[in-house]
Amino acid sequence: MKEISQTEHFDSIIQNNKDIYLMFFKHSTRCPISWSVKKEVDAFLKNHPQYLEHTYLINVIDSKNLSNYIAEKTKIKHESPQIIIMKDNSVIAHFSHLSITENKILEHLK
């Protein structure tokens, strides 16, 4: 999972990968629930490495501007932890907290 921190990088990713599923994981390094969910996301990526290249981590503490920008751009209320799945410059799915599971992620990527 690649960490991104700049709005320009987010825009470039969604513009240059329109026909690919993109997954953005908003993670708080201060939240125990977020750490637990990160383990679930890491397990998903280990079991489905084909999605690793297009999965991005947003540290909501260090990159608050980017996190807010994504919420504004996608019109999805910010939560943490949160998964946003996009394809063709559109949001396919988003979910947060303990609803983030390996099975739920996979369900939205098929």
PDB file of N, CA and C in Angstrom:
ATOM      1  N   MET A   1       0.863  -1.171   0.000  1.00  0.00           N
ATOM      2  CA  MET A   1       0.000   0.000   0.000  1.00  0.00           C
ATOM      3  C   MET A   1       0.906   1.229   0.000  1.00  0.00           C
ATOM      4  N   LYS A   2       0.647   2.110  -0.932  1.00  0.00           N
ATOM      5  CA  LYS A   2       1.443   3.335  -1.044  1.00  0.00           C
ATOM      6  C   LYS A   2       0.766   4.462  -0.283  1.00  0.00           C
ATOM      7  N   GLU A   3       1.552   5.209   0.461  1.00  0.00           N
ATOM      8  CA  GLU A   3       0.999   6.353   1.165  1.00  0.00           C
ATOM      9  C   GLU A   3       1.064   7.584   0.274  1.00  0.00           C
ATOM     10  N   ILE A   4      -0.024   8.332   0.241  1.00  0.00           N
ATOM     11  CA  ILE A   4      -0.032   9.597  -0.471  1.00  0.00           C
ATOM     12  C   ILE A   4      -0.394  10.702   0.512  1.00  0.00           C
ATOM     13  N   SER A   5       0.067  11.915   0.204  1.00  0.00           N
ATOM     14  CA  SER A   5      -0.160  13.014   1.147  1.00  0.00           C
ATOM     15  C   SER A   5      -0.529  14.333   0.469  1.00  0.00           C
ATOM     16  N   GLN A   6      -0.509  14.361  -0.843  1.00  0.00           N
ATOM     17  CA  GLN A   6      -0.756  15.601  -1.580  1.00  0.00           C
ATOM     18  C   GLN A   6      -2.021  15.503  -2.434  1.00  0.00           C
ATOM     19  N   THR A   7      -2.780  16.585  -2.476  1.00  0.00           N
ATOM     20  CA  THR A   7      -3.996  16.607  -3.287  1.00  0.00           C
ATOM     21  C   THR A   7      -3.682  16.374  -4.764  1.00  0.00           C
ATOM     22  N   GLU A   8      -2.558  16.908  -5.217  1.00  0.00           N
ATOM     23  CA  GLU A   8      -2.176  16.752  -6.623  1.00  0.00           C
ATOM     24  C   GLU A   8      -1.938  15.278  -6.964  1.00  0.00           C
ATOM     25  N   HIS A   9      -1.375  14.545  -6.026  1.00  0.00           N
ATOM     26  CA  HIS A   9      -1.114  13.126  -6.256  1.00  0.00           C
ATOM     27  C   HIS A   9      -2.446  12.369  -6.357  1.00  0.00           C
ATOM     28  N   PHE A  10      -3.388  12.670  -5.480  1.00  0.00           N
ATOM     29  CA  PHE A  10      -4.715  12.050  -5.540  1.00  0.00           C
ATOM     30  C   PHE A  10      -5.369  12.330  -6.898  1.00  0.00           C
ATOM     31  N   ASP A  11      -5.354  13.592  -7.316  1.00  0.00           N
ATOM     32  CA  ASP A  11      -5.956  13.955  -8.607  1.00  0.00           C
ATOM     33  C   ASP A  11      -5.296  13.216  -9.761  1.00  0.00           C
ATOM     34  N   SER A  12      -3.996  13.122  -9.725  1.00  0.00           N
ATOM     35  CA  SER A  12      -3.257  12.423 -10.780  1.00  0.00           C
ATOM     36  C   SER A  12      -3.626  10.938 -10.811  1.00  0.00           C
ATOM     37  N   ILE A  13      -3.729  10.335  -9.647  1.00  0.00           N
ATOM     38  CA  ILE A  13      -4.079   8.915  -9.569  1.00  0.00           C
ATOM     39  C   ILE A  13      -5.450   8.666 -10.182  1.00  0.00           C
ATOM     40  N   ILE A  14      -6.445   9.456  -9.808  1.00  0.00           N
ATOM     41  CA  ILE A  14      -7.790   9.178 -10.323  1.00  0.00           C
ATOM     42  C   ILE A  14      -7.929   9.552 -11.806  1.00  0.00           C
ATOM     43  N   GLN A  15      -7.158  10.519 -12.268  1.00  0.00           N
ATOM     44  CA  GLN A  15      -7.229  10.901 -13.679  1.00  0.00           C
ATOM     45  C   GLN A  15      -6.509   9.902 -14.585  1.00  0.00           C
ATOM     46  N   ASN A  16      -5.416   9.330 -14.101  1.00  0.00           N
ATOM     47  CA  ASN A  16      -4.580   8.463 -14.936  1.00  0.00           C
ATOM     48  C   ASN A  16      -4.897   6.977 -14.817  1.00  0.00           C
ATOM     49  N   ASN A  17      -5.878   6.625 -13.999  1.00  0.00           N
ATOM     50  CA  ASN A  17      -6.220   5.212 -13.791  1.00  0.00           C
ATOM     51  C   ASN A  17      -7.730   5.009 -13.844  1.00  0.00           C
ATOM     52  N   LYS A  18      -8.357   5.577 -14.832  1.00  0.00           N
ATOM     53  CA  LYS A  18      -9.820   5.574 -14.885  1.00  0.00           C
ATOM     54  C   LYS A  18     -10.424   4.181 -15.015  1.00  0.00           C
ATOM     55  N   ASP A  19      -9.772   3.270 -15.710  1.00  0.00           N
ATOM     56  CA  ASP A  19     -10.362   1.959 -15.944  1.00  0.00           C
ATOM     57  C   ASP A  19      -9.924   0.902 -14.934  1.00  0.00           C
ATOM     58  N   ILE A  20      -9.326   1.355 -13.829  1.00  0.00           N
ATOM     59  CA  ILE A  20      -8.785   0.453 -12.805  1.00  0.00           C
ATOM     60  C   ILE A  20      -9.487   0.740 -11.480  1.00  0.00           C
ATOM     61  N   TYR A  21      -9.745  -0.311 -10.710  1.00  0.00           N
ATOM     62  CA  TYR A  21     -10.247  -0.103  -9.355  1.00  0.00           C
ATOM     63  C   TYR A  21      -9.149   0.527  -8.508  1.00  0.00           C
ATOM     64  N   LEU A  22      -9.497   1.598  -7.830  1.00  0.00           N
ATOM     65  CA  LEU A  22      -8.582   2.293  -6.929  1.00  0.00           C
ATOM     66  C   LEU A  22      -9.169   2.213  -5.527  1.00  0.00           C
ATOM     67  N   MET A  23      -8.314   1.940  -4.561  1.00  0.00           N
ATOM     68  CA  MET A  23      -8.786   1.879  -3.194  1.00  0.00           C
ATOM     69  C   MET A  23      -7.978   2.852  -2.338  1.00  0.00           C
ATOM     70  N   PHE A  24      -8.691   3.701  -1.611  1.00  0.00           N
ATOM     71  CA  PHE A  24      -8.071   4.683  -0.722  1.00  0.00           C
ATOM     72  C   PHE A  24      -8.473   4.330   0.708  1.00  0.00           C
ATOM     73  N   PHE A  25      -7.472   4.158   1.545  1.00  0.00           N
ATOM     74  CA  PHE A  25      -7.699   3.792   2.947  1.00  0.00           C
ATOM     75  C   PHE A  25      -7.292   4.961   3.826  1.00  0.00           C
ATOM     76  N   LYS A  26      -8.277   5.588   4.459  1.00  0.00           N
ATOM     77  CA  LYS A  26      -8.008   6.670   5.412  1.00  0.00           C
ATOM     78  C   LYS A  26      -7.748   6.034   6.774  1.00  0.00           C
ATOM     79  N   HIS A  27      -6.567   6.308   7.305  1.00  0.00           N
ATOM     80  CA  HIS A  27      -6.091   5.639   8.515  1.00  0.00           C
ATOM     81  C   HIS A  27      -5.616   6.663   9.530  1.00  0.00           C
ATOM     82  N   SER A  28      -6.047   6.489  10.771  1.00  0.00           N
ATOM     83  CA  SER A  28      -5.558   7.335  11.858  1.00  0.00           C
ATOM     84  C   SER A  28      -4.560   6.553  12.693  1.00  0.00           C
ATOM     85  N   THR A  29      -3.369   7.085  12.807  1.00  0.00           N
ATOM     86  CA  THR A  29      -2.327   6.422  13.600  1.00  0.00           C
ATOM     87  C   THR A  29      -2.586   6.553  15.099  1.00  0.00           C
ATOM     88  N   ARG A  30      -3.587   7.313  15.481  1.00  0.00           N
ATOM     89  CA  ARG A  30      -3.913   7.506  16.901  1.00  0.00           C
ATOM     90  C   ARG A  30      -5.114   6.686  17.359  1.00  0.00           C
ATOM     91  N   CYS A  31      -5.710   5.937  16.461  1.00  0.00           N
ATOM     92  CA  CYS A  31      -6.962   5.244  16.770  1.00  0.00           C
ATOM     93  C   CYS A  31      -6.767   3.721  16.789  1.00  0.00           C
ATOM     94  N   PRO A  32      -7.083   3.070  17.909  1.00  0.00           N
ATOM     95  CA  PRO A  32      -6.938   1.613  17.969  1.00  0.00           C
ATOM     96  C   PRO A  32      -7.841   0.873  16.975  1.00  0.00           C
ATOM     97  N   ILE A  33      -9.036   1.400  16.716  1.00  0.00           N
ATOM     98  CA  ILE A  33      -9.922   0.759  15.731  1.00  0.00           C
ATOM     99  C   ILE A  33      -9.280   0.829  14.348  1.00  0.00           C
ATOM    100  N   SER A  34      -8.677   1.969  14.038  1.00  0.00           N
ATOM    101  CA  SER A  34      -8.033   2.119  12.738  1.00  0.00           C
ATOM    102  C   SER A  34      -6.868   1.134  12.589  1.00  0.00           C
ATOM    103  N   TRP A  35      -6.110   0.920  13.654  1.00  0.00           N
ATOM    104  CA  TRP A  35      -5.004  -0.056  13.590  1.00  0.00           C
ATOM    105  C   TRP A  35      -5.553  -1.463  13.374  1.00  0.00           C
ATOM    106  N   SER A  36      -6.641  -1.793  14.018  1.00  0.00           N
ATOM    107  CA  SER A  36      -7.257  -3.098  13.844  1.00  0.00           C
ATOM    108  C   SER A  36      -7.735  -3.285  12.406  1.00  0.00           C
ATOM    109  N   VAL A  37      -8.371  -2.259  11.866  1.00  0.00           N
ATOM    110  CA  VAL A  37      -8.859  -2.314  10.487  1.00  0.00           C
ATOM    111  C   VAL A  37      -7.694  -2.368   9.500  1.00  0.00           C
ATOM    112  N   LYS A  38      -6.606  -1.685   9.800  1.00  0.00           N
ATOM    113  CA  LYS A  38      -5.433  -1.728   8.911  1.00  0.00           C
ATOM    114  C   LYS A  38      -4.933  -3.159   8.764  1.00  0.00           C
ATOM    115  N   LYS A  39      -4.980  -3.923   9.838  1.00  0.00           N
ATOM    116  CA  LYS A  39      -4.574  -5.337   9.762  1.00  0.00           C
ATOM    117  C   LYS A  39      -5.481  -6.094   8.792  1.00  0.00           C
ATOM    118  N   GLU A  40      -6.762  -5.767   8.795  1.00  0.00           N
ATOM    119  CA  GLU A  40      -7.718  -6.390   7.875  1.00  0.00           C
ATOM    120  C   GLU A  40      -7.396  -6.005   6.423  1.00  0.00           C
ATOM    121  N   VAL A  41      -7.088  -4.736   6.192  1.00  0.00           N
ATOM    122  CA  VAL A  41      -6.725  -4.269   4.847  1.00  0.00           C
ATOM    123  C   VAL A  41      -5.417  -4.923   4.403  1.00  0.00           C
ATOM    124  N   ASP A  42      -4.443  -4.990   5.297  1.00  0.00           N
ATOM    125  CA  ASP A  42      -3.169  -5.641   4.971  1.00  0.00           C
ATOM    126  C   ASP A  42      -3.379  -7.115   4.623  1.00  0.00           C
ATOM    127  N   ALA A  43      -4.248  -7.795   5.359  1.00  0.00           N
ATOM    128  CA  ALA A  43      -4.549  -9.204   5.070  1.00  0.00           C
ATOM    129  C   ALA A  43      -5.207  -9.335   3.700  1.00  0.00           C
ATOM    130  N   PHE A  44      -6.128  -8.421   3.395  1.00  0.00           N
ATOM    131  CA  PHE A  44      -6.768  -8.434   2.080  1.00  0.00           C
ATOM    132  C   PHE A  44      -5.710  -8.313   0.980  1.00  0.00           C
ATOM    133  N   LEU A  45      -4.797  -7.364   1.138  1.00  0.00           N
ATOM    134  CA  LEU A  45      -3.777  -7.140   0.109  1.00  0.00           C
ATOM    135  C   LEU A  45      -2.806  -8.314   0.001  1.00  0.00           C
ATOM    136  N   LYS A  46      -2.519  -8.966   1.110  1.00  0.00           N
ATOM    137  CA  LYS A  46      -1.656 -10.148   1.077  1.00  0.00           C
ATOM    138  C   LYS A  46      -2.336 -11.283   0.312  1.00  0.00           C
ATOM    139  N   ASN A  47      -3.640 -11.436   0.518  1.00  0.00           N
ATOM    140  CA  ASN A  47      -4.381 -12.505  -0.137  1.00  0.00           C
ATOM    141  C   ASN A  47      -4.807 -12.168  -1.563  1.00  0.00           C
ATOM    142  N   HIS A  48      -4.777 -10.890  -1.903  1.00  0.00           N
ATOM    143  CA  HIS A  48      -5.181 -10.430  -3.237  1.00  0.00           C
ATOM    144  C   HIS A  48      -4.162  -9.389  -3.735  1.00  0.00           C
ATOM    145  N   PRO A  49      -2.948  -9.830  -3.982  1.00  0.00           N
ATOM    146  CA  PRO A  49      -1.873  -8.884  -4.330  1.00  0.00           C
ATOM    147  C   PRO A  49      -2.112  -8.107  -5.622  1.00  0.00           C
ATOM    148  N   GLN A  50      -3.034  -8.540  -6.441  1.00  0.00           N
ATOM    149  CA  GLN A  50      -3.322  -7.825  -7.683  1.00  0.00           C
ATOM    150  C   GLN A  50      -3.871  -6.420  -7.411  1.00  0.00           C
ATOM    151  N   TYR A  51      -4.352  -6.156  -6.193  1.00  0.00           N
ATOM    152  CA  TYR A  51      -4.886  -4.835  -5.855  1.00  0.00           C
ATOM    153  C   TYR A  51      -3.872  -3.941  -5.140  1.00  0.00           C
ATOM    154  N   LEU A  52      -2.728  -4.494  -4.816  1.00  0.00           N
ATOM    155  CA  LEU A  52      -1.723  -3.755  -4.042  1.00  0.00           C
ATOM    156  C   LEU A  52      -1.239  -2.488  -4.745  1.00  0.00           C
ATOM    157  N   GLU A  53      -0.979  -2.587  -6.025  1.00  0.00           N
ATOM    158  CA  GLU A  53      -0.418  -1.457  -6.769  1.00  0.00           C
ATOM    159  C   GLU A  53      -1.350  -0.243  -6.802  1.00  0.00           C
ATOM    160  N   HIS A  54      -2.640  -0.465  -6.659  1.00  0.00           N
ATOM    161  CA  HIS A  54      -3.601   0.634  -6.771  1.00  0.00           C
ATOM    162  C   HIS A  54      -4.388   0.860  -5.476  1.00  0.00           C
ATOM    163  N   THR A  55      -3.713   0.576  -4.364  1.00  0.00           N
ATOM    164  CA  THR A  55      -4.280   0.836  -3.042  1.00  0.00           C
ATOM    165  C   THR A  55      -3.414   1.873  -2.357  1.00  0.00           C
ATOM    166  N   TYR A  56      -4.058   2.895  -1.821  1.00  0.00           N
ATOM    167  CA  TYR A  56      -3.346   4.046  -1.276  1.00  0.00           C
ATOM    168  C   TYR A  56      -3.790   4.333   0.152  1.00  0.00           C
ATOM    169  N   LEU A  57      -2.823   4.623   0.984  1.00  0.00           N
ATOM    170  CA  LEU A  57      -3.069   4.956   2.382  1.00  0.00           C
ATOM    171  C   LEU A  57      -3.005   6.458   2.551  1.00  0.00           C
ATOM    172  N   ILE A  58      -3.967   6.998   3.264  1.00  0.00           N
ATOM    173  CA  ILE A  58      -3.958   8.420   3.619  1.00  0.00           C
ATOM    174  C   ILE A  58      -3.905   8.484   5.136  1.00  0.00           C
ATOM    175  N   ASN A  59      -2.807   8.992   5.663  1.00  0.00           N
ATOM    176  CA  ASN A  59      -2.661   9.186   7.102  1.00  0.00           C
ATOM    177  C   ASN A  59      -3.433  10.456   7.449  1.00  0.00           C
ATOM    178  N   VAL A  60      -4.583  10.289   8.106  1.00  0.00           N
ATOM    179  CA  VAL A  60      -5.460  11.435   8.342  1.00  0.00           C
ATOM    180  C   VAL A  60      -4.899  12.423   9.357  1.00  0.00           C
ATOM    181  N   ILE A  61      -3.927  12.009  10.136  1.00  0.00           N
ATOM    182  CA  ILE A  61      -3.294  12.918  11.094  1.00  0.00           C
ATOM    183  C   ILE A  61      -2.280  13.800  10.375  1.00  0.00           C
ATOM    184  N   ASP A  62      -1.396  13.182   9.622  1.00  0.00           N
ATOM    185  CA  ASP A  62      -0.327  13.923   8.931  1.00  0.00           C
ATOM    186  C   ASP A  62      -0.795  14.587   7.645  1.00  0.00           C
ATOM    187  N   SER A  63      -1.846  14.069   7.052  1.00  0.00           N
ATOM    188  CA  SER A  63      -2.314  14.583   5.756  1.00  0.00           C
ATOM    189  C   SER A  63      -3.784  15.002   5.848  1.00  0.00           C
ATOM    190  N   LYS A  64      -4.067  15.813   6.839  1.00  0.00           N
ATOM    191  CA  LYS A  64      -5.451  16.249   7.073  1.00  0.00           C
ATOM    192  C   LYS A  64      -6.015  17.000   5.866  1.00  0.00           C
ATOM    193  N   ASN A  65      -5.198  17.832   5.218  1.00  0.00           N
ATOM    194  CA  ASN A  65      -5.673  18.577   4.042  1.00  0.00           C
ATOM    195  C   ASN A  65      -6.109  17.630   2.931  1.00  0.00           C
ATOM    196  N   LEU A  66      -5.330  16.583   2.696  1.00  0.00           N
ATOM    197  CA  LEU A  66      -5.688  15.609   1.667  1.00  0.00           C
ATOM    198  C   LEU A  66      -6.958  14.864   2.062  1.00  0.00           C
ATOM    199  N   SER A  67      -7.050  14.463   3.300  1.00  0.00           N
ATOM    200  CA  SER A  67      -8.237  13.758   3.771  1.00  0.00           C
ATOM    201  C   SER A  67      -9.494  14.607   3.576  1.00  0.00           C
ATOM    202  N   ASN A  68      -9.418  15.861   3.934  1.00  0.00           N
ATOM    203  CA  ASN A  68     -10.558  16.775   3.747  1.00  0.00           C
ATOM    204  C   ASN A  68     -10.856  16.996   2.265  1.00  0.00           C
ATOM    205  N   TYR A  69      -9.807  17.096   1.468  1.00  0.00           N
ATOM    206  CA  TYR A  69      -9.968  17.284   0.027  1.00  0.00           C
ATOM    207  C   TYR A  69     -10.711  16.097  -0.596  1.00  0.00           C
ATOM    208  N   ILE A  70     -10.344  14.892  -0.186  1.00  0.00           N
ATOM    209  CA  ILE A  70     -11.004  13.689  -0.712  1.00  0.00           C
ATOM    210  C   ILE A  70     -12.477  13.686  -0.313  1.00  0.00           C
ATOM    211  N   ALA A  71     -12.762  14.057   0.925  1.00  0.00           N
ATOM    212  CA  ALA A  71     -14.157  14.124   1.378  1.00  0.00           C
ATOM    213  C   ALA A  71     -14.947  15.127   0.535  1.00  0.00           C
ATOM    214  N   GLU A  72     -14.333  16.266   0.284  1.00  0.00           N
ATOM    215  CA  GLU A  72     -14.998  17.300  -0.523  1.00  0.00           C
ATOM    216  C   GLU A  72     -15.175  16.848  -1.969  1.00  0.00           C
ATOM    217  N   LYS A  73     -14.127  16.285  -2.537  1.00  0.00           N
ATOM    218  CA  LYS A  73     -14.156  15.889  -3.948  1.00  0.00           C
ATOM    219  C   LYS A  73     -15.131  14.732  -4.197  1.00  0.00           C
ATOM    220  N   THR A  74     -15.186  13.785  -3.277  1.00  0.00           N
ATOM    221  CA  THR A  74     -16.055  12.616  -3.466  1.00  0.00           C
ATOM    222  C   THR A  74     -17.448  12.826  -2.878  1.00  0.00           C
ATOM    223  N   LYS A  75     -17.602  13.890  -2.086  1.00  0.00           N
ATOM    224  CA  LYS A  75     -18.866  14.177  -1.394  1.00  0.00           C
ATOM    225  C   LYS A  75     -19.236  13.068  -0.395  1.00  0.00           C
ATOM    226  N   ILE A  76     -18.198  12.474   0.184  1.00  0.00           N
ATOM    227  CA  ILE A  76     -18.367  11.439   1.204  1.00  0.00           C
ATOM    228  C   ILE A  76     -17.847  11.994   2.528  1.00  0.00           C
ATOM    229  N   LYS A  77     -18.701  12.004   3.521  1.00  0.00           N
ATOM    230  CA  LYS A  77     -18.318  12.492   4.844  1.00  0.00           C
ATOM    231  C   LYS A  77     -17.068  11.759   5.326  1.00  0.00           C
ATOM    232  N   HIS A  78     -16.112  12.522   5.832  1.00  0.00           N
ATOM    233  CA  HIS A  78     -14.877  11.933   6.340  1.00  0.00           C
ATOM    234  C   HIS A  78     -15.155  11.072   7.563  1.00  0.00           C
ATOM    235  N   GLU A  79     -14.567   9.891   7.553  1.00  0.00           N
ATOM    236  CA  GLU A  79     -14.539   9.027   8.724  1.00  0.00           C
ATOM    237  C   GLU A  79     -13.176   8.358   8.745  1.00  0.00           C
ATOM    238  N   SER A  80     -12.817   7.837   9.885  1.00  0.00           N
ATOM    239  CA  SER A  80     -11.544   7.148   9.994  1.00  0.00           C
ATOM    240  C   SER A  80     -11.677   6.050  11.041  1.00  0.00           C
ATOM    241  N   PRO A  81     -11.326   4.842  10.633  1.00  0.00           N
ATOM    242  CA  PRO A  81     -10.842   4.415   9.324  1.00  0.00           C
ATOM    243  C   PRO A  81     -11.973   4.399   8.291  1.00  0.00           C
ATOM    244  N   GLN A  82     -11.550   4.522   7.045  1.00  0.00           N
ATOM    245  CA  GLN A  82     -12.515   4.569   5.946  1.00  0.00           C
ATOM    246  C   GLN A  82     -11.874   4.020   4.683  1.00  0.00           C
ATOM    247  N   ILE A  83     -12.657   3.289   3.914  1.00  0.00           N
ATOM    248  CA  ILE A  83     -12.243   2.790   2.595  1.00  0.00           C
ATOM    249  C   ILE A  83     -13.120   3.476   1.555  1.00  0.00           C
ATOM    250  N   ILE A  84     -12.481   3.977   0.514  1.00  0.00           N
ATOM    251  CA  ILE A  84     -13.198   4.523  -0.638  1.00  0.00           C
ATOM    252  C   ILE A  84     -12.676   3.781  -1.861  1.00  0.00           C
ATOM    253  N   ILE A  85     -13.580   3.142  -2.591  1.00  0.00           N
ATOM    254  CA  ILE A  85     -13.216   2.421  -3.806  1.00  0.00           C
ATOM    255  C   ILE A  85     -13.756   3.214  -4.990  1.00  0.00           C
ATOM    256  N   MET A  86     -12.869   3.481  -5.957  1.00  0.00           N
ATOM    257  CA  MET A  86     -13.242   4.275  -7.122  1.00  0.00           C
ATOM    258  C   MET A  86     -12.873   3.534  -8.405  1.00  0.00           C
ATOM    259  N   LYS A  87     -13.603   3.837  -9.441  1.00  0.00           N
ATOM    260  CA  LYS A  87     -13.291   3.372 -10.796  1.00  0.00           C
ATOM    261  C   LYS A  87     -13.933   4.349 -11.752  1.00  0.00           C
ATOM    262  N   ASP A  88     -13.251   4.634 -12.853  1.00  0.00           N
ATOM    263  CA  ASP A  88     -13.755   5.575 -13.864  1.00  0.00           C
ATOM    264  C   ASP A  88     -14.086   6.929 -13.244  1.00  0.00           C
ATOM    265  N   ASN A  89     -13.261   7.345 -12.297  1.00  0.00           N
ATOM    266  CA  ASN A  89     -13.389   8.656 -11.649  1.00  0.00           C
ATOM    267  C   ASN A  89     -14.663   8.782 -10.806  1.00  0.00           C
ATOM    268  N   SER A  90     -15.264   7.649 -10.450  1.00  0.00           N
ATOM    269  CA  SER A  90     -16.482   7.650  -9.644  1.00  0.00           C
ATOM    270  C   SER A  90     -16.316   6.731  -8.435  1.00  0.00           C
ATOM    271  N   VAL A  91     -17.008   7.063  -7.376  1.00  0.00           N
ATOM    272  CA  VAL A  91     -16.996   6.220  -6.185  1.00  0.00           C
ATOM    273  C   VAL A  91     -17.888   5.007  -6.433  1.00  0.00           C
ATOM    274  N   ILE A  92     -17.326   3.834  -6.247  1.00  0.00           N
ATOM    275  CA  ILE A  92     -18.052   2.570  -6.379  1.00  0.00           C
ATOM    276  C   ILE A  92     -18.643   2.177  -5.022  1.00  0.00           C
ATOM    277  N   ALA A  93     -17.843   2.380  -3.964  1.00  0.00           N
ATOM    278  CA  ALA A  93     -18.290   2.005  -2.621  1.00  0.00           C
ATOM    279  C   ALA A  93     -17.452   2.760  -1.603  1.00  0.00           C
ATOM    280  N   HIS A  94     -18.010   2.892  -0.421  1.00  0.00           N
ATOM    281  CA  HIS A  94     -17.252   3.419   0.710  1.00  0.00           C
ATOM    282  C   HIS A  94     -17.869   2.864   1.981  1.00  0.00           C
ATOM    283  N   PHE A  95     -17.024   2.576   2.930  1.00  0.00           N
ATOM    284  CA  PHE A  95     -17.479   2.068   4.217  1.00  0.00           C
ATOM    285  C   PHE A  95     -16.418   2.389   5.249  1.00  0.00           C
ATOM    286  N   SER A  96     -16.795   2.279   6.517  1.00  0.00           N
ATOM    287  CA  SER A  96     -15.876   2.732   7.561  1.00  0.00           C
ATOM    288  C   SER A  96     -15.928   1.837   8.791  1.00  0.00           C
ATOM    289  N   HIS A  97     -14.995   2.121   9.648  1.00  0.00           N
ATOM    290  CA  HIS A  97     -14.862   1.472  10.949  1.00  0.00           C
ATOM    291  C   HIS A  97     -14.863  -0.048  10.821  1.00  0.00           C
ATOM    292  N   LEU A  98     -15.578  -0.725  11.686  1.00  0.00           N
ATOM    293  CA  LEU A  98     -15.510  -2.180  11.734  1.00  0.00           C
ATOM    294  C   LEU A  98     -16.269  -2.865  10.598  1.00  0.00           C
ATOM    295  N   SER A  99     -16.923  -2.086   9.755  1.00  0.00           N
ATOM    296  CA  SER A  99     -17.543  -2.688   8.571  1.00  0.00           C
ATOM    297  C   SER A  99     -16.503  -2.965   7.487  1.00  0.00           C
ATOM    298  N   ILE A 100     -15.275  -2.515   7.693  1.00  0.00           N
ATOM    299  CA  ILE A 100     -14.191  -2.780   6.739  1.00  0.00           C
ATOM    300  C   ILE A 100     -13.632  -4.165   7.036  1.00  0.00           C
ATOM    301  N   THR A 101     -13.943  -5.091   6.149  1.00  0.00           N
ATOM    302  CA  THR A 101     -13.435  -6.459   6.275  1.00  0.00           C
ATOM    303  C   THR A 101     -12.890  -6.908   4.925  1.00  0.00           C
ATOM    304  N   GLU A 102     -12.084  -7.943   4.973  1.00  0.00           N
ATOM    305  CA  GLU A 102     -11.518  -8.484   3.738  1.00  0.00           C
ATOM    306  C   GLU A 102     -12.629  -8.896   2.779  1.00  0.00           C
ATOM    307  N   ASN A 103     -13.657  -9.566   3.276  1.00  0.00           N
ATOM    308  CA  ASN A 103     -14.755 -10.015   2.412  1.00  0.00           C
ATOM    309  C   ASN A 103     -15.531  -8.847   1.825  1.00  0.00           C
ATOM    310  N   LYS A 104     -15.768  -7.817   2.612  1.00  0.00           N
ATOM    311  CA  LYS A 104     -16.521  -6.671   2.109  1.00  0.00           C
ATOM    312  C   LYS A 104     -15.730  -5.930   1.025  1.00  0.00           C
ATOM    313  N   ILE A 105     -14.431  -5.796   1.207  1.00  0.00           N
ATOM    314  CA  ILE A 105     -13.593  -5.160   0.191  1.00  0.00           C
ATOM    315  C   ILE A 105     -13.686  -5.954  -1.104  1.00  0.00           C
ATOM    316  N   LEU A 106     -13.489  -7.245  -1.004  1.00  0.00           N
ATOM    317  CA  LEU A 106     -13.497  -8.104  -2.195  1.00  0.00           C
ATOM    318  C   LEU A 106     -14.850  -8.056  -2.901  1.00  0.00           C
ATOM    319  N   GLU A 107     -15.899  -8.020  -2.134  1.00  0.00           N
ATOM    320  CA  GLU A 107     -17.251  -7.964  -2.694  1.00  0.00           C
ATOM    321  C   GLU A 107     -17.424  -6.758  -3.632  1.00  0.00           C
ATOM    322  N   HIS A 108     -16.792  -5.649  -3.303  1.00  0.00           N
ATOM    323  CA  HIS A 108     -16.951  -4.431  -4.104  1.00  0.00           C
ATOM    324  C   HIS A 108     -15.932  -4.312  -5.240  1.00  0.00           C
ATOM    325  N   LEU A 109     -14.973  -5.207  -5.271  1.00  0.00           N
ATOM    326  CA  LEU A 109     -13.966  -5.151  -6.326  1.00  0.00           C
ATOM    327  C   LEU A 109     -14.230  -6.168  -7.423  1.00  0.00           C
ATOM    328  N   LYS A 110     -15.298  -6.896  -7.323  1.00  0.00           N
ATOM    329  CA  LYS A 110     -15.612  -7.915  -8.358  1.00  0.00           C
ATOM    330  C   LYS A 110     -16.665  -7.406  -9.298  1.00  0.00           C
TER     331      LYS A 110
END
